[in-house]
C-alpha cells in the first residue's frame, strides 16, 4: 500500500511544472527548403557576392587577418614572401620587445585582428594571387605603419618601404 501511495505521489509531482502546448503543426506539414547548399560558407563563390558600400568586393576579415599576421611577422623576422629581400633587417627599433600590434594601427577597436587566428584557407590563395589586391593592401599598411597618426611609427628605426621586405618592388 505504501508503495502504491509513493508511486502515485511521484507520478503526480512529475507533471506539476509541465504545460501542454500544441499549435497543431505536424512534421509532415513543415516548410522545407528547396535551396541546396552547394558549397561551404568560406569559399570564393560566397564572398564574390559580398560587396561594400563603394561597390568593391568585401574581403572577409579572416583573409585580411592572415595577411596581417604575415606582414607583422615580416617586421621582426625574415619575410615569408615569394621574393624576400636577401639583405633584410628588421625596421623595428627593438625587434624583440618593441613589436607592432594590430591595435597600433587599428585604433577604432571595431575589429581586433590579433584575436583572429592565422588560417591559410583556399580563399587566402585566391587573394594572394591577385597582385592588385595585395599591392593595394601593402600600400595601405605601409602608409599606416609610417604615419605619425598611429602608434606603430614610434617603434620604427626608419621609414618602411616595399623594399624593406621584398628584393624587388612588387608595386609598379
N, C-alpha and C. Protein backbone atom coordinates (compact mmCIF):
# COMPACT_ATOMS: atom_id res chain seq x y z
N UNK A 1 0.81 -1.19 0.00
CA UNK A 1 0.00 0.00 0.00
C UNK A 1 0.86 1.26 0.00
N UNK A 2 1.90 1.23 0.86
CA UNK A 2 2.79 2.39 0.90
C UNK A 2 3.44 2.65 -0.46
N UNK A 3 3.82 1.56 -1.10
CA UNK A 3 4.46 1.71 -2.42
C UNK A 3 3.50 2.33 -3.42
N UNK A 4 2.28 1.95 -3.37
CA UNK A 4 1.28 2.48 -4.30
C UNK A 4 1.07 3.97 -4.06
N UNK A 5 1.03 4.38 -2.81
CA UNK A 5 0.87 5.81 -2.49
C UNK A 5 2.11 6.58 -2.93
N UNK A 6 3.30 6.01 -2.69
CA UNK A 6 4.55 6.65 -3.09
C UNK A 6 4.62 6.81 -4.61
N UNK A 7 4.25 5.81 -5.34
CA UNK A 7 4.25 5.87 -6.80
C UNK A 7 3.25 6.92 -7.29
N UNK A 8 2.09 6.98 -6.67
CA UNK A 8 1.08 7.96 -7.05
C UNK A 8 1.57 9.38 -6.81
N UNK A 9 2.25 9.60 -5.69
CA UNK A 9 2.79 10.93 -5.38
C UNK A 9 3.88 11.34 -6.38
N UNK A 10 4.77 10.42 -6.68
CA UNK A 10 5.85 10.71 -7.63
C UNK A 10 5.28 11.01 -9.00
N UNK A 11 4.34 10.22 -9.46
CA UNK A 11 3.75 10.43 -10.78
C UNK A 11 2.97 11.74 -10.86
N UNK A 12 2.29 12.10 -9.83
CA UNK A 12 1.51 13.34 -9.86
C UNK A 12 2.43 14.55 -9.74
N UNK A 13 3.56 14.40 -9.07
CA UNK A 13 4.51 15.50 -8.93
C UNK A 13 5.31 15.77 -10.20
N UNK A 14 5.46 14.77 -11.03
CA UNK A 14 6.27 14.92 -12.24
C UNK A 14 5.64 15.88 -13.24
N UNK A 15 4.36 15.97 -13.29
CA UNK A 15 3.72 16.79 -14.30
C UNK A 15 3.26 18.15 -13.78
N UNK A 16 3.57 18.49 -12.53
CA UNK A 16 3.05 19.73 -11.98
C UNK A 16 3.65 20.97 -12.63
N UNK A 17 4.88 20.90 -13.17
CA UNK A 17 5.51 22.06 -13.79
C UNK A 17 5.49 21.97 -15.31
N UNK A 18 4.69 21.12 -15.85
CA UNK A 18 4.63 20.96 -17.30
C UNK A 18 3.37 21.61 -17.83
N UNK A 19 3.50 22.14 -19.03
CA UNK A 19 2.35 22.76 -19.69
C UNK A 19 2.23 22.13 -21.07
N UNK A 20 1.09 21.70 -21.41
CA UNK A 20 0.85 21.08 -22.70
C UNK A 20 0.57 22.17 -23.73
N UNK A 21 1.50 22.33 -24.68
CA UNK A 21 1.35 23.36 -25.70
C UNK A 21 1.40 22.68 -27.06
N UNK A 22 0.44 22.98 -27.89
CA UNK A 22 0.41 22.40 -29.23
C UNK A 22 -0.20 23.41 -30.18
N UNK A 23 0.46 23.60 -31.31
CA UNK A 23 -0.08 24.52 -32.31
C UNK A 23 -0.79 23.76 -33.42
N UNK A 24 -0.78 22.46 -33.32
CA UNK A 24 -1.45 21.66 -34.32
C UNK A 24 -0.56 21.32 -35.51
N UNK A 25 0.69 21.79 -35.49
CA UNK A 25 1.59 21.51 -36.61
C UNK A 25 2.05 20.06 -36.56
N UNK A 26 2.30 19.56 -37.76
CA UNK A 26 2.84 18.22 -37.87
C UNK A 26 4.12 18.27 -38.67
N UNK A 27 5.03 17.37 -38.42
CA UNK A 27 6.32 17.34 -39.13
C UNK A 27 6.11 17.22 -40.64
N UNK A 28 5.11 16.47 -41.04
CA UNK A 28 4.84 16.29 -42.46
C UNK A 28 4.43 17.60 -43.15
N UNK A 29 3.87 18.54 -42.36
CA UNK A 29 3.39 19.80 -42.93
C UNK A 29 4.43 20.93 -42.82
N UNK A 30 5.59 20.66 -42.25
CA UNK A 30 6.61 21.69 -42.05
C UNK A 30 7.14 22.19 -43.39
N UNK A 31 7.52 23.47 -43.41
CA UNK A 31 8.08 24.07 -44.62
C UNK A 31 9.50 23.55 -44.79
N UNK A 32 9.79 23.09 -46.01
CA UNK A 32 11.14 22.60 -46.30
C UNK A 32 11.80 23.53 -47.29
N UNK A 33 13.12 23.64 -47.17
CA UNK A 33 13.89 24.50 -48.07
C UNK A 33 14.16 23.74 -49.36
N UNK A 34 13.96 24.41 -50.47
CA UNK A 34 14.25 23.78 -51.76
C UNK A 34 15.63 24.17 -52.24
N UNK A 35 16.30 25.09 -51.51
CA UNK A 35 17.63 25.55 -51.89
C UNK A 35 18.66 24.60 -51.30
N UNK A 36 19.46 24.00 -52.15
CA UNK A 36 20.50 23.10 -51.68
C UNK A 36 21.77 23.89 -51.39
N UNK A 37 22.47 23.51 -50.37
CA UNK A 37 23.75 24.13 -50.06
C UNK A 37 24.78 23.45 -50.93
N UNK A 38 25.31 24.21 -51.90
CA UNK A 38 26.24 23.63 -52.85
C UNK A 38 27.69 23.76 -52.42
N UNK A 39 27.99 24.71 -51.51
CA UNK A 39 29.37 24.94 -51.12
C UNK A 39 29.42 25.39 -49.67
N UNK A 40 30.54 25.14 -49.02
CA UNK A 40 30.68 25.65 -47.65
C UNK A 40 30.70 27.18 -47.65
N UNK A 41 30.52 27.76 -46.47
CA UNK A 41 30.41 29.22 -46.37
C UNK A 41 31.68 29.95 -46.77
N UNK A 42 32.85 29.46 -46.45
CA UNK A 42 34.09 30.19 -46.70
C UNK A 42 34.71 29.81 -48.04
N UNK A 43 34.00 30.07 -49.12
CA UNK A 43 34.53 29.79 -50.45
C UNK A 43 34.50 31.06 -51.27
N UNK A 44 35.32 31.14 -52.31
CA UNK A 44 35.33 32.34 -53.15
C UNK A 44 33.96 32.68 -53.72
N UNK A 45 33.17 31.67 -54.08
CA UNK A 45 31.86 31.95 -54.67
C UNK A 45 30.96 32.71 -53.71
N UNK A 46 31.03 32.37 -52.43
CA UNK A 46 30.21 33.05 -51.44
C UNK A 46 30.65 34.49 -51.29
N UNK A 47 31.96 34.72 -51.22
CA UNK A 47 32.45 36.07 -50.97
C UNK A 47 32.44 36.95 -52.22
N UNK A 48 32.34 36.36 -53.40
CA UNK A 48 32.18 37.16 -54.61
C UNK A 48 30.88 37.95 -54.55
N UNK A 49 29.91 37.46 -53.78
CA UNK A 49 28.63 38.13 -53.67
C UNK A 49 28.64 39.26 -52.65
N UNK A 50 29.68 39.30 -51.80
CA UNK A 50 29.77 40.34 -50.77
C UNK A 50 30.36 41.61 -51.40
N UNK A 51 29.65 42.70 -51.29
CA UNK A 51 30.09 43.97 -51.88
C UNK A 51 29.97 45.06 -50.83
N UNK A 52 30.99 45.93 -50.76
CA UNK A 52 30.98 47.02 -49.79
C UNK A 52 30.12 48.17 -50.30
N UNK A 53 30.02 49.23 -49.51
CA UNK A 53 29.25 50.42 -49.89
C UNK A 53 29.82 51.10 -51.12
N UNK A 54 31.12 50.94 -51.37
CA UNK A 54 31.77 51.58 -52.51
C UNK A 54 31.63 50.77 -53.79
N UNK A 55 31.04 49.59 -53.70
CA UNK A 55 30.88 48.74 -54.88
C UNK A 55 32.02 47.77 -55.06
N UNK A 56 33.03 47.85 -54.20
CA UNK A 56 34.17 46.94 -54.26
C UNK A 56 33.83 45.63 -53.55
N UNK A 57 34.42 44.51 -53.99
CA UNK A 57 34.18 43.26 -53.27
C UNK A 57 34.67 43.38 -51.83
N UNK A 58 33.91 42.85 -50.91
CA UNK A 58 34.24 42.89 -49.49
C UNK A 58 35.12 41.69 -49.16
N UNK A 59 36.34 41.95 -48.66
CA UNK A 59 37.25 40.87 -48.29
C UNK A 59 36.97 40.48 -46.85
N UNK A 60 36.73 39.21 -46.58
CA UNK A 60 36.40 38.77 -45.22
C UNK A 60 37.54 39.08 -44.25
N UNK A 61 37.22 39.45 -43.01
CA UNK A 61 38.25 39.79 -42.03
C UNK A 61 39.28 38.69 -41.79
N UNK A 62 38.87 37.41 -41.85
CA UNK A 62 39.83 36.35 -41.59
C UNK A 62 40.87 36.24 -42.69
N UNK A 63 40.53 36.69 -43.92
CA UNK A 63 41.52 36.70 -45.01
C UNK A 63 42.51 37.83 -44.77
N UNK A 64 42.00 39.03 -44.45
CA UNK A 64 42.88 40.15 -44.15
C UNK A 64 43.75 39.83 -42.94
N UNK A 65 43.19 39.15 -41.96
CA UNK A 65 43.94 38.80 -40.75
C UNK A 65 45.11 37.89 -41.08
N UNK A 66 44.92 36.96 -42.01
CA UNK A 66 46.03 36.08 -42.40
C UNK A 66 47.18 36.92 -42.94
N UNK A 67 46.87 37.82 -43.87
CA UNK A 67 47.92 38.66 -44.46
C UNK A 67 48.51 39.61 -43.43
N UNK A 68 47.68 40.09 -42.51
CA UNK A 68 48.17 40.99 -41.46
C UNK A 68 49.17 40.26 -40.58
N UNK A 69 48.86 39.03 -40.20
CA UNK A 69 49.79 38.25 -39.39
C UNK A 69 51.12 38.08 -40.13
N UNK A 70 51.06 37.73 -41.40
CA UNK A 70 52.28 37.53 -42.20
C UNK A 70 53.07 38.82 -42.29
N UNK A 71 52.38 39.93 -42.50
CA UNK A 71 53.04 41.22 -42.68
C UNK A 71 53.71 41.68 -41.38
N UNK A 72 53.01 41.57 -40.27
CA UNK A 72 53.59 41.98 -38.99
C UNK A 72 54.78 41.07 -38.65
N UNK A 73 54.67 39.78 -38.93
CA UNK A 73 55.79 38.86 -38.68
C UNK A 73 57.01 39.25 -39.49
N UNK A 74 56.81 39.81 -40.69
CA UNK A 74 57.93 40.23 -41.54
C UNK A 74 58.65 41.45 -40.98
N UNK A 75 58.06 42.12 -40.02
CA UNK A 75 58.73 43.27 -39.41
C UNK A 75 59.77 42.84 -38.37
N UNK A 76 59.60 41.65 -37.80
CA UNK A 76 60.55 41.21 -36.79
C UNK A 76 61.19 39.86 -37.10
N UNK A 77 60.90 39.28 -38.24
CA UNK A 77 61.51 38.03 -38.68
C UNK A 77 61.63 38.04 -40.19
N UNK A 78 62.48 37.20 -40.72
CA UNK A 78 62.70 37.15 -42.17
C UNK A 78 61.37 36.97 -42.88
N UNK A 79 61.06 37.84 -43.85
CA UNK A 79 59.77 37.77 -44.55
C UNK A 79 59.58 36.44 -45.27
N UNK A 80 58.34 35.97 -45.29
CA UNK A 80 58.00 34.70 -45.95
C UNK A 80 57.30 34.96 -47.27
N UNK A 81 57.64 36.08 -47.95
CA UNK A 81 57.01 36.37 -49.24
C UNK A 81 57.72 35.60 -50.35
N UNK A 82 57.20 35.72 -51.56
CA UNK A 82 57.76 34.98 -52.70
C UNK A 82 59.07 35.56 -53.21
N UNK A 83 59.42 36.76 -52.80
CA UNK A 83 60.62 37.44 -53.29
C UNK A 83 61.26 38.21 -52.13
N UNK A 84 61.73 37.50 -51.09
CA UNK A 84 62.23 38.21 -49.91
C UNK A 84 63.53 38.97 -50.17
N UNK A 85 63.70 40.06 -49.45
CA UNK A 85 64.91 40.86 -49.53
C UNK A 85 66.05 40.05 -48.89
N UNK A 86 67.12 39.72 -49.66
CA UNK A 86 68.21 38.92 -49.08
C UNK A 86 68.99 39.68 -48.01
N UNK A 87 68.91 41.01 -48.02
CA UNK A 87 69.63 41.83 -47.04
C UNK A 87 68.68 42.37 -45.97
N UNK A 88 67.61 41.65 -45.70
CA UNK A 88 66.59 42.11 -44.77
C UNK A 88 67.16 42.32 -43.38
N UNK A 89 66.76 43.42 -42.77
CA UNK A 89 66.98 43.66 -41.34
C UNK A 89 65.68 44.24 -40.81
N UNK A 90 65.39 43.98 -39.57
CA UNK A 90 64.14 44.45 -39.00
C UNK A 90 64.09 45.97 -38.98
N UNK A 91 62.98 46.56 -39.41
CA UNK A 91 62.84 48.01 -39.36
C UNK A 91 62.43 48.53 -37.98
N UNK A 92 62.28 47.61 -37.02
CA UNK A 92 61.85 48.00 -35.68
C UNK A 92 63.05 48.41 -34.82
N UNK A 93 62.83 49.38 -33.95
CA UNK A 93 63.87 49.80 -33.02
C UNK A 93 64.27 48.64 -32.11
N UNK A 94 63.29 47.87 -31.68
CA UNK A 94 63.52 46.72 -30.82
C UNK A 94 62.69 45.55 -31.35
N UNK A 95 63.28 44.71 -32.23
CA UNK A 95 62.51 43.61 -32.83
C UNK A 95 62.06 42.54 -31.85
N UNK A 96 62.58 42.53 -30.63
CA UNK A 96 62.18 41.51 -29.66
C UNK A 96 61.05 42.02 -28.79
N UNK A 97 61.23 43.17 -28.17
CA UNK A 97 60.22 43.67 -27.24
C UNK A 97 59.40 44.84 -27.78
N UNK A 98 59.77 45.39 -28.91
CA UNK A 98 59.07 46.56 -29.46
C UNK A 98 58.24 46.24 -30.68
N UNK A 99 57.56 45.11 -30.64
CA UNK A 99 56.79 44.65 -31.79
C UNK A 99 55.58 45.53 -32.07
N UNK A 100 55.15 45.49 -33.31
CA UNK A 100 53.95 46.20 -33.76
C UNK A 100 52.76 45.27 -33.54
N UNK A 101 51.68 45.83 -32.99
CA UNK A 101 50.46 45.07 -32.76
C UNK A 101 49.34 45.63 -33.62
N UNK A 102 48.32 44.85 -33.83
CA UNK A 102 47.17 45.28 -34.63
C UNK A 102 46.60 46.60 -34.12
N UNK A 103 46.56 46.74 -32.80
CA UNK A 103 45.95 47.92 -32.19
C UNK A 103 46.82 49.17 -32.34
N UNK A 104 48.05 49.03 -32.83
CA UNK A 104 48.87 50.21 -33.09
C UNK A 104 48.30 51.01 -34.27
N UNK A 105 47.64 50.33 -35.18
CA UNK A 105 47.06 51.00 -36.35
C UNK A 105 45.53 50.94 -36.35
N UNK A 106 44.97 49.88 -35.83
CA UNK A 106 43.50 49.74 -35.77
C UNK A 106 43.04 50.29 -34.42
N UNK A 107 42.93 51.59 -34.36
CA UNK A 107 42.64 52.24 -33.09
C UNK A 107 41.14 52.33 -32.78
N UNK A 108 40.29 52.05 -33.75
CA UNK A 108 38.85 52.17 -33.53
C UNK A 108 38.31 51.10 -32.59
N UNK A 109 38.98 49.97 -32.52
CA UNK A 109 38.52 48.89 -31.67
C UNK A 109 37.40 48.07 -32.28
N UNK A 110 37.00 48.36 -33.53
CA UNK A 110 35.92 47.61 -34.17
C UNK A 110 36.30 46.16 -34.40
N UNK A 111 37.51 45.95 -34.91
CA UNK A 111 37.99 44.59 -35.15
C UNK A 111 39.39 44.48 -34.58
N UNK A 112 39.62 43.46 -33.78
CA UNK A 112 40.96 43.19 -33.28
C UNK A 112 41.49 42.00 -34.06
N UNK A 113 42.30 42.30 -35.08
CA UNK A 113 42.82 41.24 -35.93
C UNK A 113 43.71 40.27 -35.15
N UNK A 114 44.23 40.72 -34.02
CA UNK A 114 45.03 39.84 -33.18
C UNK A 114 44.23 38.69 -32.61
N UNK A 115 42.92 38.84 -32.50
CA UNK A 115 42.06 37.77 -31.99
C UNK A 115 41.58 36.83 -33.09
N UNK A 116 41.90 37.16 -34.33
CA UNK A 116 41.52 36.29 -35.45
C UNK A 116 42.74 35.44 -35.77
N UNK A 117 42.63 34.12 -35.67
CA UNK A 117 43.80 33.26 -35.88
C UNK A 117 44.30 33.31 -37.32
N UNK A 118 45.57 33.02 -37.46
CA UNK A 118 46.20 32.96 -38.78
C UNK A 118 45.85 31.60 -39.39
N UNK A 119 44.94 31.62 -40.38
CA UNK A 119 44.48 30.39 -41.01
C UNK A 119 44.65 30.50 -42.51
N UNK A 120 45.35 29.56 -43.08
CA UNK A 120 45.50 29.54 -44.53
C UNK A 120 44.37 28.67 -45.10
N UNK A 121 43.42 29.33 -45.73
CA UNK A 121 42.28 28.65 -46.34
C UNK A 121 42.32 28.91 -47.84
N UNK A 122 41.59 28.16 -48.66
CA UNK A 122 41.63 28.36 -50.11
C UNK A 122 41.35 29.80 -50.54
N UNK A 123 40.52 30.51 -49.81
CA UNK A 123 40.21 31.89 -50.17
C UNK A 123 41.44 32.79 -50.06
N UNK A 124 42.33 32.48 -49.12
CA UNK A 124 43.59 33.23 -48.98
C UNK A 124 44.41 33.08 -50.26
N UNK A 125 44.48 31.86 -50.79
CA UNK A 125 45.23 31.61 -52.03
C UNK A 125 44.70 32.46 -53.17
N UNK A 126 43.39 32.58 -53.26
CA UNK A 126 42.79 33.37 -54.34
C UNK A 126 43.23 34.83 -54.24
N UNK A 127 43.15 35.40 -53.06
CA UNK A 127 43.54 36.81 -52.90
C UNK A 127 45.05 37.01 -53.03
N UNK A 128 45.82 36.01 -52.62
CA UNK A 128 47.28 36.12 -52.72
C UNK A 128 47.73 36.19 -54.18
N UNK A 129 46.98 35.57 -55.06
CA UNK A 129 47.30 35.60 -56.49
C UNK A 129 46.83 36.89 -57.16
N UNK A 130 46.03 37.68 -56.48
CA UNK A 130 45.51 38.94 -57.01
C UNK A 130 46.53 40.05 -56.71
N UNK A 131 47.41 40.32 -57.66
CA UNK A 131 48.51 41.27 -57.46
C UNK A 131 48.00 42.66 -57.11
N UNK A 132 46.94 43.10 -57.76
CA UNK A 132 46.39 44.43 -57.49
C UNK A 132 45.88 44.54 -56.05
N UNK A 133 45.19 43.51 -55.60
CA UNK A 133 44.69 43.50 -54.23
C UNK A 133 45.84 43.54 -53.23
N UNK A 134 46.83 42.65 -53.42
CA UNK A 134 47.94 42.56 -52.49
C UNK A 134 48.76 43.85 -52.46
N UNK A 135 49.02 44.44 -53.62
CA UNK A 135 49.79 45.69 -53.67
C UNK A 135 49.03 46.81 -52.98
N UNK A 136 47.72 46.87 -53.18
CA UNK A 136 46.91 47.89 -52.52
C UNK A 136 46.90 47.72 -51.01
N UNK A 137 46.79 46.49 -50.57
CA UNK A 137 46.80 46.20 -49.14
C UNK A 137 48.14 46.60 -48.52
N UNK A 138 49.23 46.25 -49.17
CA UNK A 138 50.55 46.58 -48.65
C UNK A 138 50.78 48.10 -48.64
N UNK A 139 50.34 48.79 -49.70
CA UNK A 139 50.47 50.26 -49.73
C UNK A 139 49.76 50.88 -48.53
N UNK A 140 48.55 50.41 -48.27
CA UNK A 140 47.76 50.93 -47.16
C UNK A 140 48.46 50.68 -45.83
N UNK A 141 48.95 49.46 -45.63
CA UNK A 141 49.57 49.10 -44.36
C UNK A 141 50.91 49.80 -44.16
N UNK A 142 51.70 49.94 -45.23
CA UNK A 142 52.98 50.65 -45.12
C UNK A 142 52.73 52.12 -44.79
N UNK A 143 51.72 52.71 -45.41
CA UNK A 143 51.39 54.12 -45.13
C UNK A 143 50.98 54.29 -43.67
N UNK A 144 50.18 53.40 -43.16
CA UNK A 144 49.76 53.48 -41.75
C UNK A 144 50.94 53.26 -40.82
N UNK A 145 51.77 52.31 -41.14
CA UNK A 145 52.93 52.00 -40.31
C UNK A 145 53.85 53.21 -40.18
N UNK A 146 54.07 53.92 -41.29
CA UNK A 146 54.97 55.07 -41.30
C UNK A 146 54.33 56.35 -40.80
N UNK A 147 53.01 56.39 -40.72
CA UNK A 147 52.28 57.60 -40.35
C UNK A 147 52.41 57.91 -38.86
N UNK A 148 52.67 59.15 -38.54
CA UNK A 148 52.75 59.55 -37.13
C UNK A 148 51.37 59.59 -36.48
N UNK A 149 50.31 59.39 -37.26
CA UNK A 149 48.95 59.34 -36.71
C UNK A 149 48.69 58.04 -35.95
N UNK A 150 49.57 57.07 -36.10
CA UNK A 150 49.39 55.77 -35.48
C UNK A 150 50.60 55.44 -34.61
N UNK A 151 50.38 54.61 -33.60
CA UNK A 151 51.42 54.29 -32.63
C UNK A 151 52.56 53.47 -33.16
N UNK A 152 52.38 52.80 -34.28
CA UNK A 152 53.42 51.93 -34.81
C UNK A 152 54.65 52.70 -35.26
N UNK A 153 54.49 53.92 -35.75
CA UNK A 153 55.63 54.68 -36.29
C UNK A 153 56.68 54.95 -35.22
N UNK A 154 56.29 55.05 -33.97
CA UNK A 154 57.25 55.29 -32.89
C UNK A 154 58.13 54.08 -32.63
N UNK A 155 57.76 52.93 -33.15
CA UNK A 155 58.53 51.71 -32.93
C UNK A 155 59.53 51.43 -34.06
N UNK A 156 59.56 52.30 -35.08
CA UNK A 156 60.40 52.08 -36.25
C UNK A 156 61.76 52.77 -36.12
N UNK A 157 62.77 52.14 -36.72
CA UNK A 157 64.10 52.75 -36.77
C UNK A 157 64.24 53.66 -37.99
N UNK A 158 63.33 53.53 -38.93
CA UNK A 158 63.34 54.35 -40.14
C UNK A 158 62.06 54.10 -40.92
N UNK A 159 62.00 54.67 -42.11
CA UNK A 159 60.81 54.52 -42.96
C UNK A 159 60.78 53.13 -43.59
N UNK A 160 59.64 52.52 -43.58
CA UNK A 160 59.44 51.21 -44.20
C UNK A 160 58.94 51.42 -45.63
N UNK A 161 59.50 50.66 -46.56
CA UNK A 161 59.07 50.68 -47.96
C UNK A 161 58.84 49.24 -48.39
N UNK A 162 58.41 49.06 -49.62
CA UNK A 162 58.23 47.70 -50.15
C UNK A 162 59.56 46.94 -50.13
N UNK A 163 60.65 47.66 -50.39
CA UNK A 163 61.96 47.01 -50.47
C UNK A 163 62.51 46.61 -49.10
N UNK A 164 61.84 47.00 -48.04
CA UNK A 164 62.23 46.54 -46.70
C UNK A 164 62.08 45.02 -46.64
N UNK A 165 61.02 44.51 -47.23
CA UNK A 165 60.73 43.06 -47.17
C UNK A 165 60.92 42.34 -48.50
N UNK A 166 60.86 43.05 -49.62
CA UNK A 166 60.94 42.43 -50.95
C UNK A 166 62.27 42.77 -51.62
N UNK A 167 62.82 41.83 -52.39
CA UNK A 167 64.07 42.05 -53.11
C UNK A 167 63.86 43.06 -54.24
N UNK A 168 62.71 43.01 -54.86
CA UNK A 168 62.36 43.99 -55.90
C UNK A 168 61.00 44.58 -55.56
N UNK A 169 60.75 45.76 -56.06
CA UNK A 169 59.50 46.44 -55.73
C UNK A 169 58.32 45.75 -56.41
N UNK A 170 57.42 45.16 -55.63
CA UNK A 170 56.27 44.47 -56.22
C UNK A 170 55.17 45.44 -56.66
N UNK A 171 55.30 46.70 -56.30
CA UNK A 171 54.28 47.70 -56.63
C UNK A 171 54.77 48.57 -57.79
N UNK A 172 54.21 48.37 -58.98
CA UNK A 172 54.70 49.13 -60.16
C UNK A 172 54.46 50.62 -60.05
